[in-house]
Amino acid sequence: MTTIDTSIYSAVTEAIRGEAQRTLSEGLVTAIVGYAAARRKGSAQPIVITNAADSEKLIFSPACVNNLTVYLTKAKKEIPKTGRVGIVVKGCDLKALVGLMGESQLKRDEIYIIGVPCAGVLASTVQPSQELTSDTIASKCRECGEFLPQGCDFVPGVEIPAAPELEKNYSAEIARLEALTPAERWAYWREQFSKCVKCYACRQVCPFCFCEQCLCDRNKPQMVESTPRPAGNTAWHIVRAMHLAGRCAGCAECERVCPMDIPLNLLNRKMARELKELYAYEASFQVNDKGPLATYDEKDDQSFIK
């Protein structure tokens, strides 16, 4: 077991508080979306503050797992309807924010981005009061190389400690599945999808599921069976994976909130790898107007059309 150095998190917390107080006091923003301590020891929860005096409530710790970007795409009554909104983002969260800008869901000049240097957050399966180690760190953080968000309006001036070499869980599992036969892989995913109860928590927590009415909720005509049965479950998860291909930022919120422990981010990471290999495209800190599955080029690989 290797201990992850999180000594910078207290300095990051103080920097966030100071910037929130300054921007709210000066009227640069009307609200800040960040993290605050929750009731459970060591845990954190999202918070929206509109008063500079509440800046002291803001924190950053290994328990700050939520992707707060979803607060800007879903209707949240705490968010003011007018004015610039500040938001605290980790590297993976920022990729989602940038992706939404590329899809014209957010305007850069309406957002004040506070980027946080991040050495990792805790896995959802461990107690929030536990120390961040190679055993307790979230799987998504093992694959992440974006510890310092880029292009933000404010980033605390702290030096990130060198990250230890950790086993890449998703990469290892993808390699294991790719070694199976197509029939064996299909059996694996059918078993995973059969556990789905159609609670749609994965959709509700995803920043990219911003449609006012989801295609899968329509019944005239019905595109996807709404009851938790094998055919409908499989259709739902395949449609969702294709919908996120090239867009998913890898925040793994869908996997974290799934009550049935379906490895949703494993599927997303596989799709992301395919998009990178086929089209040299991946979610990044650069705003792109359209992804590879939303554009056509005569030079695209068409070997699959046979």
Protein backbone atom coordinates (compact mmCIF):
# COMPACT_ATOMS: atom_id res chain seq x y z
CA MET A 1 0.00 0.00 0.00
CA THR A 2 1.34 3.42 -1.00
CA THR A 3 0.19 6.62 0.73
CA ILE A 4 -0.80 9.45 -1.64
CA ASP A 5 0.53 12.87 -0.63
CA THR A 6 -2.46 15.18 -0.06
CA SER A 7 -0.61 17.79 1.96
CA ILE A 8 -1.50 20.46 -0.63
CA TYR A 9 -5.24 20.08 -0.05
CA SER A 10 -5.31 22.36 2.99
CA ALA A 11 -3.49 25.08 1.02
CA VAL A 12 -5.90 24.56 -1.89
CA THR A 13 -8.83 24.95 0.51
CA GLU A 14 -7.50 28.28 1.80
CA ALA A 15 -6.87 29.51 -1.75
CA ILE A 16 -10.40 28.58 -2.86
CA ARG A 17 -11.91 30.39 0.11
CA GLY A 18 -9.87 33.50 -0.56
CA GLU A 19 -10.78 33.61 -4.24
CA ALA A 20 -14.46 32.96 -3.54
CA GLN A 21 -14.56 35.77 -1.00
CA ARG A 22 -12.81 38.16 -3.38
CA THR A 23 -14.96 37.43 -6.44
CA LEU A 24 -18.23 37.53 -4.51
CA SER A 25 -17.27 40.70 -2.63
CA GLU A 26 -16.26 42.48 -5.82
CA GLY A 27 -19.39 41.32 -7.66
CA LEU A 28 -17.41 39.40 -10.28
CA VAL A 29 -19.67 36.39 -9.74
CA THR A 30 -23.16 35.96 -8.35
CA ALA A 31 -22.54 32.46 -6.97
CA ILE A 32 -19.81 29.87 -6.41
CA VAL A 33 -20.45 26.15 -6.86
CA GLY A 34 -18.00 24.24 -4.68
CA TYR A 35 -17.59 21.65 -1.95
CA ALA A 36 -18.41 21.85 1.75
CA ALA A 37 -18.07 19.47 4.68
CA ALA A 38 -21.02 17.08 5.06
CA ARG A 39 -22.43 15.58 8.25
CA ARG A 40 -20.60 12.28 7.96
CA LYS A 41 -17.04 12.49 9.30
CA GLY A 42 -14.60 13.37 6.55
CA SER A 43 -17.25 13.51 3.83
CA ALA A 44 -17.98 16.37 1.44
CA GLN A 45 -20.99 17.56 -0.50
CA PRO A 46 -21.75 20.15 -3.20
CA ILE A 47 -22.66 23.63 -2.03
CA VAL A 48 -23.76 26.83 -3.78
CA ILE A 49 -22.84 30.05 -1.99
CA THR A 50 -23.99 33.53 -2.96
CA ASN A 51 -22.61 35.46 0.02
CA ALA A 52 -18.92 36.23 0.54
CA ALA A 53 -19.28 35.43 4.24
CA ASP A 54 -20.04 31.81 3.34
CA SER A 55 -16.67 31.38 1.63
CA GLU A 56 -15.31 29.78 4.81
CA LYS A 57 -17.61 26.82 4.18
CA LEU A 58 -15.69 25.81 1.07
CA ILE A 59 -13.22 22.91 1.25
CA PHE A 60 -11.19 20.61 -0.94
CA SER A 61 -10.26 17.13 0.23
CA PRO A 62 -9.99 13.55 -1.11
CA ALA A 63 -13.73 13.24 -0.37
CA CYS A 64 -14.62 15.87 -3.02
CA VAL A 65 -15.65 13.33 -5.61
CA ASN A 66 -18.62 15.04 -7.29
CA ASN A 67 -18.37 16.54 -10.75
CA LEU A 68 -19.95 19.92 -10.06
CA THR A 69 -20.36 20.68 -13.76
CA VAL A 70 -23.75 18.96 -13.64
CA TYR A 71 -25.01 21.93 -11.61
CA LEU A 72 -24.69 24.08 -14.71
CA THR A 73 -26.60 21.76 -17.06
CA LYS A 74 -29.42 20.60 -14.80
CA ALA A 75 -32.04 22.97 -13.37
CA LYS A 76 -30.75 23.82 -9.88
CA LYS A 77 -32.79 26.35 -7.92
CA GLU A 78 -29.69 27.45 -5.96
CA ILE A 79 -28.01 28.81 -9.11
CA PRO A 80 -28.88 32.46 -9.86
CA LYS A 81 -30.56 33.00 -13.21
CA THR A 82 -28.37 35.97 -14.08
CA GLY A 83 -24.75 36.91 -13.60
CA ARG A 84 -21.47 35.05 -13.87
CA VAL A 85 -21.23 31.79 -11.91
CA GLY A 86 -18.02 30.52 -10.34
CA ILE A 87 -17.34 26.80 -10.19
CA VAL A 88 -14.65 24.63 -8.60
CA VAL A 89 -13.34 21.95 -10.95
CA LYS A 90 -10.80 19.14 -10.93
CA GLY A 91 -9.04 18.17 -14.15
CA CYS A 92 -11.61 15.56 -15.22
CA ASP A 93 -14.44 17.96 -14.35
CA LEU A 94 -12.89 20.69 -16.48
CA LYS A 95 -12.90 18.39 -19.51
CA ALA A 96 -16.66 18.07 -19.10
CA LEU A 97 -17.01 21.85 -18.78
CA VAL A 98 -14.97 22.39 -21.95
CA GLY A 99 -16.97 19.73 -23.79
CA LEU A 100 -20.20 21.49 -22.91
CA MET A 101 -18.80 24.76 -24.23
CA GLY A 102 -18.04 23.02 -27.51
CA GLU A 103 -21.65 21.84 -27.67
CA SER A 104 -22.94 25.39 -27.05
CA GLN A 105 -24.47 24.46 -23.70
CA LEU A 106 -22.30 26.90 -21.75
CA LYS A 107 -20.68 30.22 -22.57
CA ARG A 108 -17.13 30.79 -21.38
CA ASP A 109 -17.71 34.43 -20.43
CA GLU A 110 -20.58 33.43 -18.14
CA ILE A 111 -18.42 31.09 -16.03
CA TYR A 112 -15.58 31.83 -13.62
CA ILE A 113 -13.49 28.66 -13.40
CA ILE A 114 -11.57 27.89 -10.21
CA GLY A 115 -9.29 24.95 -11.03
CA VAL A 116 -7.96 22.80 -8.19
CA PRO A 117 -4.69 20.85 -8.27
CA CYS A 118 -5.73 17.29 -7.48
CA ALA A 119 -3.69 14.25 -6.50
CA GLY A 120 -6.77 12.04 -6.47
CA VAL A 121 -10.03 11.38 -4.66
CA LEU A 122 -11.37 8.46 -2.69
CA ALA A 123 -13.18 5.50 -4.22
CA SER A 124 -16.90 5.38 -3.49
CA THR A 125 -16.49 2.00 -1.78
CA VAL A 126 -14.39 3.34 1.12
CA GLN A 127 -15.16 5.49 4.13
CA PRO A 128 -14.72 9.24 3.44
CA SER A 129 -12.57 9.59 6.56
CA GLN A 130 -9.98 7.12 5.27
CA GLU A 131 -6.52 8.14 4.16
CA LEU A 132 -5.90 8.40 0.42
CA THR A 133 -3.68 5.47 -0.57
CA SER A 134 -3.06 3.19 -3.53
CA ASP A 135 -5.79 0.96 -2.07
CA THR A 136 -8.43 3.64 -1.47
CA ILE A 137 -7.94 5.96 -4.46
CA ALA A 138 -10.71 6.00 -7.11
CA SER A 139 -10.04 3.89 -10.20
CA LYS A 140 -10.49 6.92 -12.47
CA CYS A 141 -7.60 8.67 -10.70
CA ARG A 142 -5.26 5.78 -11.53
CA GLU A 143 -5.75 6.58 -15.22
CA CYS A 144 -5.68 10.37 -14.90
CA GLY A 145 -2.76 12.49 -15.98
CA GLU A 146 -4.52 15.83 -15.67
CA PHE A 147 -3.68 16.74 -12.08
CA LEU A 148 -3.56 20.46 -12.87
CA PRO A 149 -6.51 22.02 -14.79
CA GLN A 150 -5.52 24.31 -17.64
CA GLY A 151 -7.10 27.52 -18.94
CA CYS A 152 -8.88 28.40 -15.68
CA ASP A 153 -9.51 31.89 -14.34
CA PHE A 154 -7.84 30.94 -11.07
CA VAL A 155 -5.64 28.04 -9.95
CA PRO A 156 -4.03 27.93 -6.48
CA GLY A 157 -0.29 28.39 -6.74
CA VAL A 158 0.79 25.14 -5.10
CA GLU A 159 3.18 22.50 -6.35
CA ILE A 160 1.65 19.08 -6.87
CA PRO A 161 3.67 16.25 -5.27
CA ALA A 162 5.00 13.56 -7.60
CA ALA A 163 2.33 10.93 -8.14
CA PRO A 164 3.27 7.30 -7.43
CA GLU A 165 2.95 4.71 -10.17
CA LEU A 166 -0.40 2.98 -9.70
CA GLU A 167 -1.99 0.00 -11.41
CA LYS A 168 -4.39 1.16 -14.11
CA ASN A 169 -7.55 -0.78 -13.31
CA TYR A 170 -9.57 0.18 -16.37
CA SER A 171 -6.72 -0.48 -18.78
CA ALA A 172 -6.07 -3.87 -17.21
CA GLU A 173 -9.76 -4.83 -17.35
CA ILE A 174 -10.10 -3.66 -20.95
CA ALA A 175 -7.11 -5.79 -21.89
CA ARG A 176 -8.67 -8.79 -20.13
CA LEU A 177 -11.97 -8.38 -21.95
CA GLU A 178 -10.31 -7.86 -25.32
CA ALA A 179 -8.54 -11.19 -24.87
CA LEU A 180 -11.93 -12.95 -24.70
CA THR A 181 -13.91 -14.13 -27.70
CA PRO A 182 -16.74 -11.88 -28.96
CA ALA A 183 -19.28 -14.32 -27.50
CA GLU A 184 -17.58 -14.23 -24.12
CA ARG A 185 -17.44 -10.43 -24.11
CA TRP A 186 -21.10 -10.24 -25.08
CA ALA A 187 -21.99 -12.63 -22.24
CA TYR A 188 -20.02 -10.45 -19.79
CA TRP A 189 -21.84 -7.26 -20.74
CA ARG A 190 -25.25 -8.92 -20.87
CA GLU A 191 -24.66 -10.12 -17.32
CA GLN A 192 -23.69 -6.61 -16.22
CA PHE A 193 -26.65 -4.96 -17.95
CA SER A 194 -29.06 -7.52 -16.50
CA LYS A 195 -28.44 -5.97 -13.07
CA CYS A 196 -29.79 -2.57 -14.18
CA VAL A 197 -32.97 -1.41 -12.42
CA LYS A 198 -33.52 1.54 -14.77
CA CYS A 199 -33.17 4.12 -12.01
CA TYR A 200 -31.39 6.42 -14.51
CA ALA A 201 -29.03 7.71 -11.80
CA CYS A 202 -26.24 7.49 -14.39
CA ARG A 203 -28.16 9.84 -16.66
CA GLN A 204 -29.07 12.29 -13.94
CA VAL A 205 -25.49 12.72 -12.71
CA CYS A 206 -23.94 13.02 -16.17
CA PRO A 207 -23.20 16.58 -17.36
CA PHE A 208 -23.65 15.50 -20.98
CA CYS A 209 -27.19 14.19 -20.46
CA PHE A 210 -28.68 17.65 -20.75
CA CYS A 211 -31.67 17.01 -23.03
CA GLU A 212 -34.94 18.31 -21.58
CA GLN A 213 -36.58 15.07 -22.66
CA CYS A 214 -34.45 11.99 -23.11
CA LEU A 215 -35.01 9.98 -26.28
CA CYS A 216 -35.30 6.89 -24.09
CA ASP A 217 -38.27 8.36 -22.18
CA ARG A 218 -40.41 8.80 -25.26
CA ASN A 219 -43.22 6.35 -25.87
CA LYS A 220 -44.60 7.69 -29.15
CA PRO A 221 -42.70 5.97 -30.63
CA GLN A 222 -40.93 4.05 -27.88
CA MET A 223 -37.23 3.89 -28.72
CA VAL A 224 -36.03 1.93 -25.68
CA GLU A 225 -38.09 -0.29 -23.41
CA SER A 226 -38.52 1.52 -20.11
CA THR A 227 -38.93 -1.50 -17.82
CA PRO A 228 -35.81 -3.20 -16.37
CA ARG A 229 -35.76 -6.20 -18.68
CA PRO A 230 -32.75 -7.64 -20.55
CA ALA A 231 -33.53 -6.24 -24.01
CA GLY A 232 -34.35 -2.75 -22.77
CA ASN A 233 -31.40 -2.66 -20.39
CA THR A 234 -28.95 -3.63 -23.10
CA ALA A 235 -30.40 -1.09 -25.53
CA TRP A 236 -30.26 1.68 -22.93
CA HIS A 237 -26.62 1.14 -22.02
CA ILE A 238 -25.43 0.71 -25.60
CA VAL A 239 -27.31 3.84 -26.72
CA ARG A 240 -25.83 5.76 -23.80
CA ALA A 241 -22.28 4.53 -24.46
CA MET A 242 -22.51 5.54 -28.12
CA HIS A 243 -24.02 8.88 -27.15
CA LEU A 244 -21.02 9.60 -24.91
CA ALA A 245 -18.36 8.30 -27.30
CA GLY A 246 -15.82 11.05 -27.80
CA ARG A 247 -17.62 13.28 -25.29
CA CYS A 248 -17.12 11.52 -21.95
CA ALA A 249 -14.61 13.32 -19.73
CA GLY A 250 -13.93 10.26 -17.59
CA CYS A 251 -15.27 11.71 -14.35
CA ALA A 252 -16.85 8.29 -13.60
CA GLU A 253 -19.83 9.83 -11.83
CA CYS A 254 -22.14 7.36 -13.59
CA GLU A 255 -20.24 4.42 -12.15
CA ARG A 256 -20.06 6.01 -8.70
CA VAL A 257 -23.80 6.51 -8.34
CA CYS A 258 -24.92 3.20 -9.90
CA PRO A 259 -26.66 1.25 -7.11
CA MET A 260 -26.02 -2.04 -8.92
CA ASP A 261 -22.25 -1.54 -9.36
CA ILE A 262 -22.33 -1.82 -13.15
CA PRO A 263 -18.85 -0.87 -14.49
CA LEU A 264 -20.17 1.96 -16.66
CA ASN A 265 -16.93 3.89 -16.82
CA LEU A 266 -15.17 0.78 -18.07
CA LEU A 267 -17.45 0.90 -21.11
CA ASN A 268 -16.90 4.64 -21.48
CA ARG A 269 -13.11 4.23 -21.32
CA LYS A 270 -13.27 1.52 -23.97
CA MET A 271 -15.28 3.81 -26.25
CA ALA A 272 -12.84 6.66 -25.59
CA ARG A 273 -9.94 4.41 -26.57
CA GLU A 274 -11.69 3.46 -29.82
CA LEU A 275 -12.29 7.10 -30.72
CA LYS A 276 -8.65 7.94 -30.04
CA GLU A 277 -7.35 5.05 -32.16
CA LEU A 278 -9.77 5.54 -35.06
CA TYR A 279 -9.99 9.34 -35.20
CA ALA A 280 -7.10 10.60 -33.03
CA TYR A 281 -9.72 12.38 -30.92
CA GLU A 282 -10.19 12.54 -27.17
CA ALA A 283 -11.78 14.78 -24.56
CA SER A 284 -9.36 17.56 -23.63
CA PHE A 285 -9.02 21.10 -22.32
CA GLN A 286 -9.49 22.49 -25.83
CA VAL A 287 -12.95 23.56 -27.02
CA ASN A 288 -13.96 21.59 -30.13
CA ASP A 289 -17.07 22.53 -32.08
CA LYS A 290 -17.88 18.98 -33.13
CA GLY A 291 -16.69 15.51 -32.23
CA PRO A 292 -15.73 12.82 -34.77
CA LEU A 293 -19.12 11.10 -34.62
CA ALA A 294 -20.89 14.36 -35.46
CA THR A 295 -18.84 15.14 -38.57
CA TYR A 296 -18.06 13.47 -41.89
CA ASP A 297 -14.86 13.52 -43.91
CA GLU A 298 -14.24 11.69 -47.17
CA LYS A 299 -10.94 10.48 -45.74
CA ASP A 300 -12.64 8.72 -42.81
CA ASP A 301 -12.01 5.01 -42.46
CA GLN A 302 -14.88 3.20 -44.17
CA SER A 303 -13.57 -0.33 -43.89
CA PHE A 304 -16.51 -1.28 -41.66
CA ILE A 305 -18.95 -0.76 -44.57
CA LYS A 306 -18.74 -4.10 -46.33
